[in-house]
Amino acid sequence: MESAIPPHLVSRRSQPARMKTDWQPPYPSFVARFAPSVARVAMAYLGVQYRSGSQPPAIARAALADLAATCPGPDGPGWVDRAAYVDEAGYDTVITIA
């Protein structure tokens, strides 16, 4: 598995590793890579929830549409991703990550 720590931030381990050397994660993971010159990164997680099995309420549809329309603007984020899942309480959850 590739380390999530970029080479310019690697330091000598001060604590013993808790994972076996041949451990493989049970699912894929992803890592964002930034140039060493990047000093700050901001992320916003904006979401809506509604009871699973029904159509999203008008307010949720409007919020998602507003986010989709606003993010590509000149002052919008450089990258936008959207994720959806049903949580343990039975609510559909839609999250925009900007």
C-alpha atoms as a PDB file:
ATOM      1  CA  MET A   1       0.000   0.000   0.000  1.00  0.00           C
ATOM      2  CA  GLU A   2       1.291   3.445  -0.907  1.00  0.00           C
ATOM      3  CA  SER A   3       1.857   5.827   1.963  1.00  0.00           C
ATOM      4  CA  ALA A   4      -0.461   8.824   2.218  1.00  0.00           C
ATOM      5  CA  ILE A   5       2.444  10.908   3.519  1.00  0.00           C
ATOM      6  CA  PRO A   6       4.134  12.795   0.656  1.00  0.00           C
ATOM      7  CA  PRO A   7       7.909  12.339   0.441  1.00  0.00           C
ATOM      8  CA  HIS A   8       8.692  15.884   1.621  1.00  0.00           C
ATOM      9  CA  LEU A   9       6.808  15.260   4.897  1.00  0.00           C
ATOM     10  CA  VAL A  10       8.175  11.814   5.742  1.00  0.00           C
ATOM     11  CA  SER A  11       9.973  11.596   9.070  1.00  0.00           C
ATOM     12  CA  ARG A  12      11.469   8.808  11.118  1.00  0.00           C
ATOM     13  CA  ARG A  13       8.821   6.795  12.978  1.00  0.00           C
ATOM     14  CA  SER A  14       8.726   7.529  16.700  1.00  0.00           C
ATOM     15  CA  GLN A  15       6.187   4.812  17.572  1.00  0.00           C
ATOM     16  CA  PRO A  16       6.182   1.180  16.476  1.00  0.00           C
ATOM     17  CA  ALA A  17       3.870   0.311  13.607  1.00  0.00           C
ATOM     18  CA  ARG A  18       0.631  -1.369  14.687  1.00  0.00           C
ATOM     19  CA  MET A  19      -0.005  -3.023  11.321  1.00  0.00           C
ATOM     20  CA  LYS A  20       1.566  -6.231  10.117  1.00  0.00           C
ATOM     21  CA  THR A  21       4.026  -5.612   7.283  1.00  0.00           C
ATOM     22  CA  ASP A  22       1.894  -7.604   4.790  1.00  0.00           C
ATOM     23  CA  TRP A  23      -1.438  -5.981   5.785  1.00  0.00           C
ATOM     24  CA  GLN A  24      -3.726  -5.044   2.886  1.00  0.00           C
ATOM     25  CA  PRO A  25      -6.694  -2.686   3.333  1.00  0.00           C
ATOM     26  CA  PRO A  26     -10.146  -4.263   2.853  1.00  0.00           C
ATOM     27  CA  TYR A  27     -11.217  -1.544   0.377  1.00  0.00           C
ATOM     28  CA  PRO A  28      -9.496   1.014  -1.877  1.00  0.00           C
ATOM     29  CA  SER A  29      -8.532   4.399  -0.516  1.00  0.00           C
ATOM     30  CA  PHE A  30      -7.507   7.596  -2.213  1.00  0.00           C
ATOM     31  CA  VAL A  31      -4.914  10.224  -1.467  1.00  0.00           C
ATOM     32  CA  ALA A  32      -4.762  13.851  -2.598  1.00  0.00           C
ATOM     33  CA  ARG A  33      -1.282  14.961  -3.658  1.00  0.00           C
ATOM     34  CA  PHE A  34      -0.180  18.579  -3.447  1.00  0.00           C
ATOM     35  CA  ALA A  35       3.061  20.260  -4.477  1.00  0.00           C
ATOM     36  CA  PRO A  36       5.415  21.046  -1.583  1.00  0.00           C
ATOM     37  CA  SER A  37       4.712  24.742  -2.217  1.00  0.00           C
ATOM     38  CA  VAL A  38       1.031  24.326  -1.244  1.00  0.00           C
ATOM     39  CA  ALA A  39       0.666  25.792   2.232  1.00  0.00           C
ATOM     40  CA  ARG A  40      -3.114  25.583   2.788  1.00  0.00           C
ATOM     41  CA  VAL A  41      -6.006  23.512   1.550  1.00  0.00           C
ATOM     42  CA  ALA A  42      -9.654  24.136   2.427  1.00  0.00           C
ATOM     43  CA  MET A  43     -12.466  21.640   1.946  1.00  0.00           C
ATOM     44  CA  ALA A  44     -16.179  22.079   2.509  1.00  0.00           C
ATOM     45  CA  TYR A  45     -18.614  19.193   3.010  1.00  0.00           C
ATOM     46  CA  LEU A  46     -22.170  20.344   2.312  1.00  0.00           C
ATOM     47  CA  GLY A  47     -24.973  17.838   2.513  1.00  0.00           C
ATOM     48  CA  VAL A  48     -28.683  17.142   2.564  1.00  0.00           C
ATOM     49  CA  GLN A  49     -30.616  14.259   4.087  1.00  0.00           C
ATOM     50  CA  TYR A  50     -34.108  12.908   3.560  1.00  0.00           C
ATOM     51  CA  ARG A  51     -36.023   9.733   4.379  1.00  0.00           C
ATOM     52  CA  SER A  52     -34.811   6.879   2.167  1.00  0.00           C
ATOM     53  CA  GLY A  53     -37.236   5.442  -0.368  1.00  0.00           C
ATOM     54  CA  SER A  54     -38.922   8.743  -1.146  1.00  0.00           C
ATOM     55  CA  GLN A  55     -38.228  11.497  -3.611  1.00  0.00           C
ATOM     56  CA  PRO A  56     -35.956  14.231  -2.249  1.00  0.00           C
ATOM     57  CA  PRO A  57     -38.032  17.101  -0.830  1.00  0.00           C
ATOM     58  CA  ALA A  58     -38.123  20.297  -2.877  1.00  0.00           C
ATOM     59  CA  ILE A  59     -35.784  22.065  -0.443  1.00  0.00           C
ATOM     60  CA  ALA A  60     -33.161  19.299  -0.834  1.00  0.00           C
ATOM     61  CA  ARG A  61     -33.452  19.370  -4.638  1.00  0.00           C
ATOM     62  CA  ALA A  62     -33.115  23.162  -4.596  1.00  0.00           C
ATOM     63  CA  ALA A  63     -30.054  23.055  -2.318  1.00  0.00           C
ATOM     64  CA  LEU A  64     -28.322  20.477  -4.520  1.00  0.00           C
ATOM     65  CA  ALA A  65     -29.170  22.453  -7.659  1.00  0.00           C
ATOM     66  CA  ASP A  66     -27.846  25.672  -6.087  1.00  0.00           C
ATOM     67  CA  LEU A  67     -24.583  23.952  -5.168  1.00  0.00           C
ATOM     68  CA  ALA A  68     -24.208  22.507  -8.655  1.00  0.00           C
ATOM     69  CA  ALA A  69     -24.810  25.937 -10.199  1.00  0.00           C
ATOM     70  CA  THR A  70     -22.604  27.901  -7.785  1.00  0.00           C
ATOM     71  CA  CYS A  71     -19.490  25.725  -7.584  1.00  0.00           C
ATOM     72  CA  PRO A  72     -18.321  26.236 -11.197  1.00  0.00           C
ATOM     73  CA  GLY A  73     -18.352  30.045 -10.733  1.00  0.00           C
ATOM     74  CA  PRO A  74     -15.214  32.198 -10.884  1.00  0.00           C
ATOM     75  CA  ASP A  75     -14.777  32.116  -7.094  1.00  0.00           C
ATOM     76  CA  GLY A  76     -15.802  28.487  -6.798  1.00  0.00           C
ATOM     77  CA  PRO A  77     -13.638  25.563  -5.727  1.00  0.00           C
ATOM     78  CA  GLY A  78     -11.039  24.046  -8.022  1.00  0.00           C
ATOM     79  CA  TRP A  79     -12.605  20.597  -7.632  1.00  0.00           C
ATOM     80  CA  VAL A  80     -16.071  19.329  -6.689  1.00  0.00           C
ATOM     81  CA  ASP A  81     -17.158  15.792  -5.946  1.00  0.00           C
ATOM     82  CA  ARG A  82     -20.520  14.401  -4.885  1.00  0.00           C
ATOM     83  CA  ALA A  83     -21.167  11.306  -2.792  1.00  0.00           C
ATOM     84  CA  ALA A  84     -24.406   9.604  -1.751  1.00  0.00           C
ATOM     85  CA  TYR A  85     -25.303   6.823   0.659  1.00  0.00           C
ATOM     86  CA  VAL A  86     -28.069   5.608   2.953  1.00  0.00           C
ATOM     87  CA  ASP A  87     -27.082   6.026   6.616  1.00  0.00           C
ATOM     88  CA  GLU A  88     -27.812   3.646   9.481  1.00  0.00           C
ATOM     89  CA  ALA A  89     -30.964   5.592  10.426  1.00  0.00           C
ATOM     90  CA  GLY A  90     -32.444   5.064   6.948  1.00  0.00           C
ATOM     91  CA  TYR A  91     -31.816   8.528   5.496  1.00  0.00           C
ATOM     92  CA  ASP A  92     -30.494   9.183   2.014  1.00  0.00           C
ATOM     93  CA  THR A  93     -27.494  11.439   2.401  1.00  0.00           C
ATOM     94  CA  VAL A  94     -26.054  13.443  -0.493  1.00  0.00           C
ATOM     95  CA  ILE A  95     -22.804  15.307   0.159  1.00  0.00           C
ATOM     96  CA  THR A  96     -21.054  17.823  -2.068  1.00  0.00           C
ATOM     97  CA  ILE A  97     -17.342  18.038  -1.336  1.00  0.00           C
ATOM     98  CA  ALA A  98     -15.773  21.252  -2.588  1.00  0.00           C
END
